Amino acid sequence: MIQEEINRLKKAKNAVILAHYYQHADVQDIADFVGDSLELSKIAASVDAKIILFCGVDFMAQTAKILAPSKKVLLAVSTATCPMANMITTEQLRAYKMDHPDRKVVCYVNSTAGVKALSDVCVTSSNAEKIILRLKDEKLLYVPDQNLGNYLKDKYIIDMECWPGYCCIHHQLTVEQVMEARRMHKDALVLIHPEAPLAVLKQADFVGSTSQIIEFASTTSAKTYIIGTEKGILHPLQKKNPQKNFVLLTPSLSCFDMKLTRIEDVLSALQKEDTEIFVPEDIAVLARKSLQTMMEWS
């Protein structure tokens, strides 16, 4: 059985598997740790293993390598990437900084190592609010997600420019979809990820990261929840709350790149170790500083 062979190889090679909540259910189930970007970053920095196998996309594995430089970091599928992370380049950010030297750069973890290296601090959807509030009296640039940036800019009225990047999955959500879901499920609570457009977020009962959505749904008494984030989150939600009903805001909430990883890829990566992630040391040193600042402030 494939799961048994993965477990055997993990033990033999002193490897741990990290998986994001947006992965397929069987990939989540074979992982040692499942979480959102903040949780997985903390685990990568502290886990006692020789090999970290990341089931997610490239920026996540890069982050693990930056935080755990002595470990071998593998990405289950080497082509799995994040379109939003690729919506800003180091050249673009460097040019912006030259033109706006008075602005501090707050960088979403969904970004390349090079962009992290040019930033003052990284954030995740779990801690962005806390960290940006710490910098609320500064002039800021938020990269690359315009939606999460605009959500916090609107909430706290801060001087923060937002890069015009976006998550292809969350950016498609509409107010009309929320209204229709509420019509179909009158007693449901609407929980939406902050990568959605501001007008949509203003229709939500709760806005939060994947882990925050899971916590909210697990600690409130509603029977039905409308979920506005990638459908992989339904697996942990239903495991934790079998007595509750979870409805996707729209069936199209499926990330192509997150869904590239199959359990067969997990086994292959462990067997061959041919999907190793490398980050140039000059970039890693600077990126590590912005990530460690995030850890200290969150």
C-alpha atoms as a PDB file:
ATOM      1  CA  MET A   1       0.000   0.000   0.000  1.00  0.00           C
ATOM      2  CA  ILE A   2       1.331   3.401  -1.006  1.00  0.00           C
ATOM      3  CA  GLN A   3       0.713   4.984   2.416  1.00  0.00           C
ATOM      4  CA  GLU A   4       2.700   2.213   4.110  1.00  0.00           C
ATOM      5  CA  GLU A   5       5.667   2.708   1.794  1.00  0.00           C
ATOM      6  CA  ILE A   6       5.620   6.472   2.401  1.00  0.00           C
ATOM      7  CA  ASN A   7       5.623   5.886   6.154  1.00  0.00           C
ATOM      8  CA  ARG A   8       8.482   3.396   5.824  1.00  0.00           C
ATOM      9  CA  LEU A   9      10.580   5.823   3.808  1.00  0.00           C
ATOM     10  CA  LYS A  10       9.848   8.688   6.199  1.00  0.00           C
ATOM     11  CA  LYS A  11      11.215   6.664   9.075  1.00  0.00           C
ATOM     12  CA  ALA A  12      14.203   5.315   7.147  1.00  0.00           C
ATOM     13  CA  LYS A  13      15.231   8.738   5.852  1.00  0.00           C
ATOM     14  CA  ASN A  14      14.284  10.830   8.907  1.00  0.00           C
ATOM     15  CA  ALA A  15      11.861  12.855   6.817  1.00  0.00           C
ATOM     16  CA  VAL A  16       8.760  14.837   7.679  1.00  0.00           C
ATOM     17  CA  ILE A  17       5.939  15.763   5.343  1.00  0.00           C
ATOM     18  CA  LEU A  18       4.341  19.206   5.546  1.00  0.00           C
ATOM     19  CA  ALA A  19       1.081  19.801   3.680  1.00  0.00           C
ATOM     20  CA  HIS A  20      -1.061  22.865   3.197  1.00  0.00           C
ATOM     21  CA  TYR A  21      -4.803  22.752   3.850  1.00  0.00           C
ATOM     22  CA  TYR A  22      -5.420  23.188   0.109  1.00  0.00           C
ATOM     23  CA  GLN A  23      -3.897  19.796  -0.752  1.00  0.00           C
ATOM     24  CA  HIS A  24      -5.932  16.720  -1.683  1.00  0.00           C
ATOM     25  CA  ALA A  25      -7.438  14.916   1.309  1.00  0.00           C
ATOM     26  CA  ASP A  26      -5.218  11.826   1.032  1.00  0.00           C
ATOM     27  CA  VAL A  27      -2.108  14.028   0.860  1.00  0.00           C
ATOM     28  CA  GLN A  28      -3.210  15.867   3.992  1.00  0.00           C
ATOM     29  CA  ASP A  29      -3.814  12.535   5.713  1.00  0.00           C
ATOM     30  CA  ILE A  30      -0.328  11.182   4.976  1.00  0.00           C
ATOM     31  CA  ALA A  31       1.376  14.377   6.172  1.00  0.00           C
ATOM     32  CA  ASP A  32       2.998  14.727   9.583  1.00  0.00           C
ATOM     33  CA  PHE A  33       1.832  18.338   9.818  1.00  0.00           C
ATOM     34  CA  VAL A  34      -1.013  20.126   8.031  1.00  0.00           C
ATOM     35  CA  GLY A  35      -1.475  23.860   8.364  1.00  0.00           C
ATOM     36  CA  ASP A  36      -1.567  27.291   6.812  1.00  0.00           C
ATOM     37  CA  SER A  37       1.502  29.267   5.782  1.00  0.00           C
ATOM     38  CA  LEU A  38       2.271  30.611   9.271  1.00  0.00           C
ATOM     39  CA  GLU A  39       1.929  27.242  10.994  1.00  0.00           C
ATOM     40  CA  LEU A  40       4.044  25.482   8.385  1.00  0.00           C
ATOM     41  CA  SER A  41       6.722  28.195   8.499  1.00  0.00           C
ATOM     42  CA  LYS A  42       7.070  27.732  12.253  1.00  0.00           C
ATOM     43  CA  ILE A  43       7.251  23.963  11.893  1.00  0.00           C
ATOM     44  CA  ALA A  44       9.865  24.172   9.137  1.00  0.00           C
ATOM     45  CA  ALA A  45      12.039  26.359  11.339  1.00  0.00           C
ATOM     46  CA  SER A  46      11.941  23.981  14.303  1.00  0.00           C
ATOM     47  CA  VAL A  47      11.263  20.437  13.118  1.00  0.00           C
ATOM     48  CA  ASP A  48      13.863  17.780  13.922  1.00  0.00           C
ATOM     49  CA  ALA A  49      14.410  15.990  10.617  1.00  0.00           C
ATOM     50  CA  LYS A  50      16.991  15.642   7.871  1.00  0.00           C
ATOM     51  CA  ILE A  51      14.458  15.992   5.059  1.00  0.00           C
ATOM     52  CA  ILE A  52      11.404  18.232   4.751  1.00  0.00           C
ATOM     53  CA  LEU A  53       9.010  17.193   2.002  1.00  0.00           C
ATOM     54  CA  PHE A  54       6.617  20.022   1.209  1.00  0.00           C
ATOM     55  CA  CYS A  55       3.227  19.329  -0.335  1.00  0.00           C
ATOM     56  CA  GLY A  56       2.255  22.743  -1.608  1.00  0.00           C
ATOM     57  CA  VAL A  57       3.761  25.243  -4.033  1.00  0.00           C
ATOM     58  CA  ASP A  58       7.254  26.548  -4.628  1.00  0.00           C
ATOM     59  CA  PHE A  59       7.230  29.638  -2.393  1.00  0.00           C
ATOM     60  CA  MET A  60       6.317  27.437   0.586  1.00  0.00           C
ATOM     61  CA  ALA A  61       9.228  25.082  -0.013  1.00  0.00           C
ATOM     62  CA  GLN A  62      11.537  28.083  -0.529  1.00  0.00           C
ATOM     63  CA  THR A  63      10.392  29.488   2.806  1.00  0.00           C
ATOM     64  CA  ALA A  64      11.141  26.158   4.488  1.00  0.00           C
ATOM     65  CA  LYS A  65      14.627  26.117   2.971  1.00  0.00           C
ATOM     66  CA  ILE A  66      15.298  29.702   4.054  1.00  0.00           C
ATOM     67  CA  LEU A  67      14.237  28.951   7.623  1.00  0.00           C
ATOM     68  CA  ALA A  68      15.946  25.545   7.760  1.00  0.00           C
ATOM     69  CA  PRO A  69      19.057  25.943   5.572  1.00  0.00           C
ATOM     70  CA  SER A  70      20.784  22.822   6.897  1.00  0.00           C
ATOM     71  CA  LYS A  71      17.908  20.536   5.902  1.00  0.00           C
ATOM     72  CA  LYS A  72      17.191  19.007   2.516  1.00  0.00           C
ATOM     73  CA  VAL A  73      13.876  20.476   1.367  1.00  0.00           C
ATOM     74  CA  LEU A  74      11.888  18.708  -1.335  1.00  0.00           C
ATOM     75  CA  LEU A  75       8.811  19.976  -3.168  1.00  0.00           C
ATOM     76  CA  ALA A  76       6.497  17.094  -3.998  1.00  0.00           C
ATOM     77  CA  VAL A  77       5.806  18.456  -7.504  1.00  0.00           C
ATOM     78  CA  SER A  78       8.573  20.700  -8.819  1.00  0.00           C
ATOM     79  CA  THR A  79       6.281  22.616 -11.191  1.00  0.00           C
ATOM     80  CA  ALA A  80       3.724  23.613  -8.534  1.00  0.00           C
ATOM     81  CA  THR A  81       3.858  27.394  -8.297  1.00  0.00           C
ATOM     82  CA  CYS A  82       1.745  30.356  -7.154  1.00  0.00           C
ATOM     83  CA  PRO A  83       0.617  32.747  -9.912  1.00  0.00           C
ATOM     84  CA  MET A  84       0.174  35.568  -7.395  1.00  0.00           C
ATOM     85  CA  ALA A  85       3.749  35.190  -6.128  1.00  0.00           C
ATOM     86  CA  ASN A  86       4.908  35.624  -9.711  1.00  0.00           C
ATOM     87  CA  MET A  87       2.964  38.884 -10.172  1.00  0.00           C
ATOM     88  CA  ILE A  88       5.876  40.881  -8.757  1.00  0.00           C
ATOM     89  CA  THR A  89       9.548  40.478  -9.647  1.00  0.00           C
ATOM     90  CA  THR A  90      12.661  41.516  -7.778  1.00  0.00           C
ATOM     91  CA  GLU A  91      13.390  44.019 -10.545  1.00  0.00           C
ATOM     92  CA  GLN A  92       9.972  45.642 -10.168  1.00  0.00           C
ATOM     93  CA  LEU A  93      10.246  45.846  -6.390  1.00  0.00           C
ATOM     94  CA  ARG A  94      13.802  47.181  -6.539  1.00  0.00           C
ATOM     95  CA  ALA A  95      12.682  49.930  -8.938  1.00  0.00           C
ATOM     96  CA  TYR A  96       9.731  50.812  -6.697  1.00  0.00           C
ATOM     97  CA  LYS A  97      11.990  51.092  -3.663  1.00  0.00           C
ATOM     98  CA  MET A  98      14.331  53.444  -5.501  1.00  0.00           C
ATOM     99  CA  ASP A  99      11.380  55.700  -6.356  1.00  0.00           C
ATOM    100  CA  HIS A 100       9.804  55.438  -2.883  1.00  0.00           C
ATOM    101  CA  PRO A 101      12.641  55.211  -0.338  1.00  0.00           C
ATOM    102  CA  ASP A 102      10.344  56.381   2.460  1.00  0.00           C
ATOM    103  CA  ARG A 103       8.052  53.344   2.253  1.00  0.00           C
ATOM    104  CA  LYS A 104       8.612  50.125   4.178  1.00  0.00           C
ATOM    105  CA  VAL A 105       7.807  46.955   2.288  1.00  0.00           C
ATOM    106  CA  VAL A 106       5.421  44.458   3.868  1.00  0.00           C
ATOM    107  CA  CYS A 107       5.607  41.247   1.903  1.00  0.00           C
ATOM    108  CA  TYR A 108       2.984  38.523   1.848  1.00  0.00           C
ATOM    109  CA  VAL A 109       4.540  35.092   2.327  1.00  0.00           C
ATOM    110  CA  ASN A 110       3.035  34.198  -1.069  1.00  0.00           C
ATOM    111  CA  SER A 111       6.080  35.651  -2.817  1.00  0.00           C
ATOM    112  CA  THR A 112       9.426  34.585  -4.218  1.00  0.00           C
ATOM    113  CA  ALA A 113      12.562  34.402  -2.095  1.00  0.00           C
ATOM    114  CA  GLY A 114      13.974  37.358  -4.007  1.00  0.00           C
ATOM    115  CA  VAL A 115      11.010  39.563  -3.157  1.00  0.00           C
ATOM    116  CA  LYS A 116      11.192  38.521   0.490  1.00  0.00           C
ATOM    117  CA  ALA A 117      14.877  39.508   0.475  1.00  0.00           C
ATOM    118  CA  LEU A 118      13.954  43.063  -0.590  1.00  0.00           C
ATOM    119  CA  SER A 119      11.222  43.407   2.057  1.00  0.00           C
ATOM    120  CA  ASP A 120      11.281  44.745   5.604  1.00  0.00           C
ATOM    121  CA  VAL A 121       8.947  42.117   7.007  1.00  0.00           C
ATOM    122  CA  CYS A 122       6.912  39.165   5.768  1.00  0.00           C
ATOM    123  CA  VAL A 123       3.346  38.414   6.805  1.00  0.00           C
ATOM    124  CA  THR A 124       0.836  35.615   6.349  1.00  0.00           C
ATOM    125  CA  SER A 125      -2.939  35.867   6.241  1.00  0.00           C
ATOM    126  CA  SER A 126      -2.928  34.779   9.895  1.00  0.00           C
ATOM    127  CA  ASN A 127      -0.682  37.554  11.197  1.00  0.00           C
ATOM    128  CA  ALA A 128      -0.874  40.351   8.582  1.00  0.00           C
ATOM    129  CA  GLU A 129      -3.312  42.374  10.674  1.00  0.00           C
ATOM    130  CA  LYS A 130      -1.168  42.231  13.808  1.00  0.00           C
ATOM    131  CA  ILE A 131       2.047  43.113  12.001  1.00  0.00           C
ATOM    132  CA  ILE A 132       0.586  45.895   9.882  1.00  0.00           C
ATOM    133  CA  LEU A 133      -0.994  47.447  12.984  1.00  0.00           C
ATOM    134  CA  ARG A 134       2.498  47.541  14.474  1.00  0.00           C
ATOM    135  CA  LEU A 135       3.554  49.620  11.450  1.00  0.00           C
ATOM    136  CA  LYS A 136       0.360  51.672  11.117  1.00  0.00           C
ATOM    137  CA  ASP A 137       2.129  55.029  11.520  1.00  0.00           C
ATOM    138  CA  GLU A 138       4.640  54.247   8.755  1.00  0.00           C
ATOM    139  CA  LYS A 139       4.325  54.689   5.010  1.00  0.00           C
ATOM    140  CA  LEU A 140       3.943  51.167   3.626  1.00  0.00           C
ATOM    141  CA  LEU A 141       3.869  49.150   0.446  1.00  0.00           C
ATOM    142  CA  TYR A 142       2.044  45.816   0.603  1.00  0.00           C
ATOM    143  CA  VAL A 143       3.038  43.194  -1.961  1.00  0.00           C
ATOM    144  CA  PRO A 144       1.787  41.326  -3.894  1.00  0.00           C
ATOM    145  CA  ASP A 145      -1.875  40.775  -2.894  1.00  0.00           C
ATOM    146  CA  GLN A 146      -4.012  43.850  -3.467  1.00  0.00           C
ATOM    147  CA  ASN A 147      -7.056  42.266  -1.816  1.00  0.00           C
ATOM    148  CA  LEU A 148      -5.584  41.427   1.580  1.00  0.00           C
ATOM    149  CA  GLY A 149      -3.776  44.778   1.497  1.00  0.00           C
ATOM    150  CA  ASN A 150      -6.903  46.741   0.635  1.00  0.00           C
ATOM    151  CA  TYR A 151      -8.874  44.910   3.338  1.00  0.00           C
ATOM    152  CA  LEU A 152      -6.477  46.047   6.076  1.00  0.00           C
ATOM    153  CA  LYS A 153      -5.997  49.497   4.548  1.00  0.00           C
ATOM    154  CA  ASP A 154      -9.765  50.025   4.594  1.00  0.00           C
ATOM    155  CA  LYS A 155     -10.175  48.582   8.087  1.00  0.00           C
ATOM    156  CA  TYR A 156      -7.530  50.755   9.742  1.00  0.00           C
ATOM    157  CA  ILE A 157      -7.209  53.759   7.368  1.00  0.00           C
ATOM    158  CA  ILE A 158      -3.452  53.513   6.994  1.00  0.00           C
ATOM    159  CA  ASP A 159      -1.034  54.953   4.443  1.00  0.00           C
ATOM    160  CA  MET A 160      -0.356  51.772   2.510  1.00  0.00           C
ATOM    161  CA  GLU A 161      -0.027  51.313  -1.225  1.00  0.00           C
ATOM    162  CA  CYS A 162      -1.019  47.878  -2.529  1.00  0.00           C
ATOM    163  CA  TRP A 163       0.624  46.056  -5.388  1.00  0.00           C
ATOM    164  CA  PRO A 164      -1.929  44.979  -8.051  1.00  0.00           C
ATOM    165  CA  GLY A 165      -1.398  41.228  -7.627  1.00  0.00           C
ATOM    166  CA  TYR A 166      -4.104  38.773  -6.659  1.00  0.00           C
ATOM    167  CA  CYS A 167      -4.935  35.120  -6.028  1.00  0.00           C
ATOM    168  CA  CYS A 168      -6.590  33.737  -9.152  1.00  0.00           C
ATOM    169  CA  ILE A 169      -8.949  31.642  -6.996  1.00  0.00           C
ATOM    170  CA  HIS A 170     -10.128  34.155  -4.399  1.00  0.00           C
ATOM    171  CA  HIS A 171     -10.145  37.154  -6.760  1.00  0.00           C
ATOM    172  CA  GLN A 172     -13.030  35.636  -8.738  1.00  0.00           C
ATOM    173  CA  LEU A 173     -15.469  35.745  -5.810  1.00  0.00           C
ATOM    174  CA  THR A 174     -18.417  38.138  -6.129  1.00  0.00           C
ATOM    175  CA  VAL A 175     -21.004  39.802  -3.906  1.00  0.00           C
ATOM    176  CA  GLU A 176     -23.708  38.128  -5.977  1.00  0.00           C
ATOM    177  CA  GLN A 177     -22.326  34.698  -5.067  1.00  0.00           C
ATOM    178  CA  VAL A 178     -22.496  35.565  -1.371  1.00  0.00           C
ATOM    179  CA  MET A 179     -26.075  36.844  -1.700  1.00  0.00           C
ATOM    180  CA  GLU A 180     -27.152  33.691  -3.545  1.00  0.00           C
ATOM    181  CA  ALA A 181     -25.453  31.430  -0.974  1.00  0.00           C
ATOM    182  CA  ARG A 182     -27.222  33.256   1.858  1.00  0.00           C
ATOM    183  CA  ARG A 183     -30.529  32.853   0.032  1.00  0.00           C
ATOM    184  CA  MET A 184     -29.933  29.114  -0.265  1.00  0.00           C
ATOM    185  CA  HIS A 185     -28.694  28.689   3.329  1.00  0.00           C
ATOM    186  CA  LYS A 186     -30.520  31.268   5.402  1.00  0.00           C
ATOM    187  CA  ASP A 187     -29.045  30.354   8.793  1.00  0.00           C
ATOM    188  CA  ALA A 188     -25.480  29.846   7.605  1.00  0.00           C
ATOM    189  CA  LEU A 189     -22.451  31.934   8.540  1.00  0.00           C
ATOM    190  CA  VAL A 190     -20.219  33.148   5.710  1.00  0.00           C
ATOM    191  CA  LEU A 191     -16.470  32.688   6.269  1.00  0.00           C
ATOM    192  CA  ILE A 192     -14.117  34.162   3.654  1.00  0.00           C
ATOM    193  CA  HIS A 193     -10.361  34.322   3.166  1.00  0.00           C
ATOM    194  CA  PRO A 194      -8.918  37.888   3.026  1.00  0.00           C
ATOM    195  CA  GLU A 195      -7.491  37.292  -0.467  1.00  0.00           C
ATOM    196  CA  ALA A 196     -11.034  37.953  -1.765  1.00  0.00           C
ATOM    197  CA  PRO A 197     -12.046  41.413  -3.075  1.00  0.00           C
ATOM    198  CA  LEU A 198     -12.970  44.014  -0.451  1.00  0.00           C
ATOM    199  CA  ALA A 199     -16.631  44.229  -1.489  1.00  0.00           C
ATOM    200  CA  VAL A 200     -16.955  40.472  -0.968  1.00  0.00           C
ATOM    201  CA  LEU A 201     -15.165  40.554   2.387  1.00  0.00           C
ATOM    202  CA  LYS A 202     -17.618  43.174   3.618  1.00  0.00           C
ATOM    203  CA  GLN A 203     -20.414  40.635   3.116  1.00  0.00           C
ATOM    204  CA  ALA A 204     -18.742  38.021   5.352  1.00  0.00           C
ATOM    205  CA  ASP A 205     -19.576  37.118   8.940  1.00  0.00           C
ATOM    206  CA  PHE A 206     -15.911  36.263   9.479  1.00  0.00           C
ATOM    207  CA  VAL A 207     -12.727  37.045   7.556  1.00  0.00           C
ATOM    208  CA  GLY A 208      -9.655  34.956   8.287  1.00  0.00           C
ATOM    209  CA  SER A 209      -6.859  32.667   7.146  1.00  0.00           C
ATOM    210  CA  THR A 210      -7.444  28.976   6.584  1.00  0.00           C
ATOM    211  CA  SER A 211      -6.458  28.087  10.147  1.00  0.00           C
ATOM    212  CA  GLN A 212      -8.578  30.931  11.523  1.00  0.00           C
ATOM    213  CA  ILE A 213     -11.578  29.792   9.480  1.00  0.00           C
ATOM    214  CA  ILE A 214     -11.170  26.262  10.860  1.00  0.00           C
ATOM    215  CA  GLU A 215     -10.907  27.578  14.416  1.00  0.00           C
ATOM    216  CA  PHE A 216     -13.947  29.857  14.015  1.00  0.00           C
ATOM    217  CA  ALA A 217     -16.110  27.096  12.544  1.00  0.00           C
ATOM    218  CA  SER A 218     -14.991  24.690  15.262  1.00  0.00           C
ATOM    219  CA  THR A 219     -15.753  27.033  18.166  1.00  0.00           C
ATOM    220  CA  THR A 220     -19.050  28.600  17.102  1.00  0.00           C
ATOM    221  CA  SER A 221     -22.473  27.018  17.296  1.00  0.00           C
ATOM    222  CA  ALA A 222     -23.871  27.469  13.790  1.00  0.00           C
ATOM    223  CA  LYS A 223     -24.827  24.287  11.980  1.00  0.00           C
ATOM    224  CA  THR A 224     -24.015  25.449   8.445  1.00  0.00           C
ATOM    225  CA  TYR A 225     -21.086  27.485   7.126  1.00  0.00           C
ATOM    226  CA  ILE A 226     -20.523  28.934   3.678  1.00  0.00           C
ATOM    227  CA  ILE A 227     -16.802  28.732   2.946  1.00  0.00           C
ATOM    228  CA  GLY A 228     -15.079  31.271   0.711  1.00  0.00           C
ATOM    229  CA  THR A 229     -11.654  29.741   0.195  1.00  0.00           C
ATOM    230  CA  GLU A 230     -10.000  26.840  -1.653  1.00  0.00           C
ATOM    231  CA  LYS A 231     -11.977  23.620  -1.375  1.00  0.00           C
ATOM    232  CA  GLY A 232      -9.145  21.641   0.242  1.00  0.00           C
ATOM    233  CA  ILE A 233     -10.130  23.251   3.544  1.00  0.00           C
ATOM    234  CA  LEU A 234     -13.360  21.234   3.563  1.00  0.00           C
ATOM    235  CA  HIS A 235     -11.440  18.091   4.546  1.00  0.00           C
ATOM    236  CA  PRO A 236     -10.092  19.360   7.894  1.00  0.00           C
ATOM    237  CA  LEU A 237     -13.329  21.239   8.561  1.00  0.00           C
ATOM    238  CA  GLN A 238     -15.399  18.089   8.187  1.00  0.00           C
ATOM    239  CA  LYS A 239     -12.921  15.947  10.145  1.00  0.00           C
ATOM    240  CA  LYS A 240     -13.047  18.353  13.082  1.00  0.00           C
ATOM    241  CA  ASN A 241     -16.778  19.016  12.852  1.00  0.00           C
ATOM    242  CA  PRO A 242     -18.617  15.941  11.508  1.00  0.00           C
ATOM    243  CA  GLN A 243     -21.919  17.228  12.857  1.00  0.00           C
ATOM    244  CA  LYS A 244     -21.746  20.479  10.894  1.00  0.00           C
ATOM    245  CA  ASN A 245     -22.450  21.318   7.247  1.00  0.00           C
ATOM    246  CA  PHE A 246     -19.901  23.130   5.053  1.00  0.00           C
ATOM    247  CA  VAL A 247     -20.816  24.592   1.675  1.00  0.00           C
ATOM    248  CA  LEU A 248     -18.362  26.074  -0.820  1.00  0.00           C
ATOM    249  CA  LEU A 249     -19.263  29.591  -1.861  1.00  0.00           C
ATOM    250  CA  THR A 250     -18.677  28.460  -5.465  1.00  0.00           C
ATOM    251  CA  PRO A 251     -17.600  25.068  -6.875  1.00  0.00           C
ATOM    252  CA  SER A 252     -14.748  26.740  -8.802  1.00  0.00           C
ATOM    253  CA  LEU A 253     -12.704  27.350  -5.638  1.00  0.00           C
ATOM    254  CA  SER A 254      -9.977  24.913  -6.619  1.00  0.00           C
ATOM    255  CA  CYS A 255      -6.320  25.877  -7.045  1.00  0.00           C
ATOM    256  CA  PHE A 256      -4.751  24.156 -10.056  1.00  0.00           C
ATOM    257  CA  ASP A 257      -1.229  24.240  -8.643  1.00  0.00           C
ATOM    258  CA  MET A 258      -2.186  23.106  -5.150  1.00  0.00           C
ATOM    259  CA  LYS A 259      -4.050  20.188  -6.673  1.00  0.00           C
ATOM    260  CA  LEU A 260      -1.083  19.054  -8.785  1.00  0.00           C
ATOM    261  CA  THR A 261       0.298  16.997  -5.896  1.00  0.00           C
ATOM    262  CA  ARG A 262      -0.963  13.432  -5.791  1.00  0.00           C
ATOM    263  CA  ILE A 263      -0.041  10.856  -3.183  1.00  0.00           C
ATOM    264  CA  GLU A 264       2.017   9.100  -5.878  1.00  0.00           C
ATOM    265  CA  ASP A 265       4.127  12.276  -6.156  1.00  0.00           C
ATOM    266  CA  VAL A 266       4.759  12.210  -2.422  1.00  0.00           C
ATOM    267  CA  LEU A 267       6.097   8.678  -2.706  1.00  0.00           C
ATOM    268  CA  SER A 268       8.204   9.495  -5.775  1.00  0.00           C
ATOM    269  CA  ALA A 269       9.766  12.555  -4.139  1.00  0.00           C
ATOM    270  CA  LEU A 270      10.754  10.486  -1.106  1.00  0.00           C
ATOM    271  CA  GLN A 271      12.158   7.718  -3.251  1.00  0.00           C
ATOM    272  CA  LYS A 272      14.158   9.808  -5.719  1.00  0.00           C
ATOM    273  CA  GLU A 273      14.852  13.013  -3.754  1.00  0.00           C
ATOM    274  CA  ASP A 274      15.085  14.744  -7.138  1.00  0.00           C
ATOM    275  CA  THR A 275      12.878  17.762  -6.419  1.00  0.00           C
ATOM    276  CA  GLU A 276      15.221  19.532  -4.003  1.00  0.00           C
ATOM    277  CA  ILE A 277      14.766  23.263  -3.453  1.00  0.00           C
ATOM    278  CA  PHE A 278      17.759  25.607  -3.424  1.00  0.00           C
ATOM    279  CA  VAL A 279      17.895  29.301  -2.489  1.00  0.00           C
ATOM    280  CA  PRO A 280      21.091  31.297  -3.193  1.00  0.00           C
ATOM    281  CA  GLU A 281      22.746  32.192   0.102  1.00  0.00           C
ATOM    282  CA  ASP A 282      22.886  35.957  -0.546  1.00  0.00           C
ATOM    283  CA  ILE A 283      19.118  35.961  -1.102  1.00  0.00           C
ATOM    284  CA  ALA A 284      18.414  33.526   1.734  1.00  0.00           C
ATOM    285  CA  VAL A 285      20.231  35.678   4.312  1.00  0.00           C
ATOM    286  CA  LEU A 286      18.084  38.736   3.572  1.00  0.00           C
ATOM    287  CA  ALA A 287      14.853  36.782   3.151  1.00  0.00           C
ATOM    288  CA  ARG A 288      15.501  35.017   6.452  1.00  0.00           C
ATOM    289  CA  LYS A 289      15.708  38.385   8.177  1.00  0.00           C
ATOM    290  CA  SER A 290      12.253  39.440   6.952  1.00  0.00           C
ATOM    291  CA  LEU A 291      10.812  36.053   7.918  1.00  0.00           C
ATOM    292  CA  GLN A 292      12.417  36.086  11.359  1.00  0.00           C
ATOM    293  CA  THR A 293      11.049  39.580  11.947  1.00  0.00           C
ATOM    294  CA  MET A 294       7.628  38.152  11.128  1.00  0.00           C
ATOM    295  CA  MET A 295       8.135  35.344  13.647  1.00  0.00           C
ATOM    296  CA  GLU A 296       9.175  37.796  16.359  1.00  0.00           C
ATOM    297  CA  TRP A 297       6.224  40.097  15.759  1.00  0.00           C
ATOM    298  CA  SER A 298       3.477  37.483  15.330  1.00  0.00           C
END
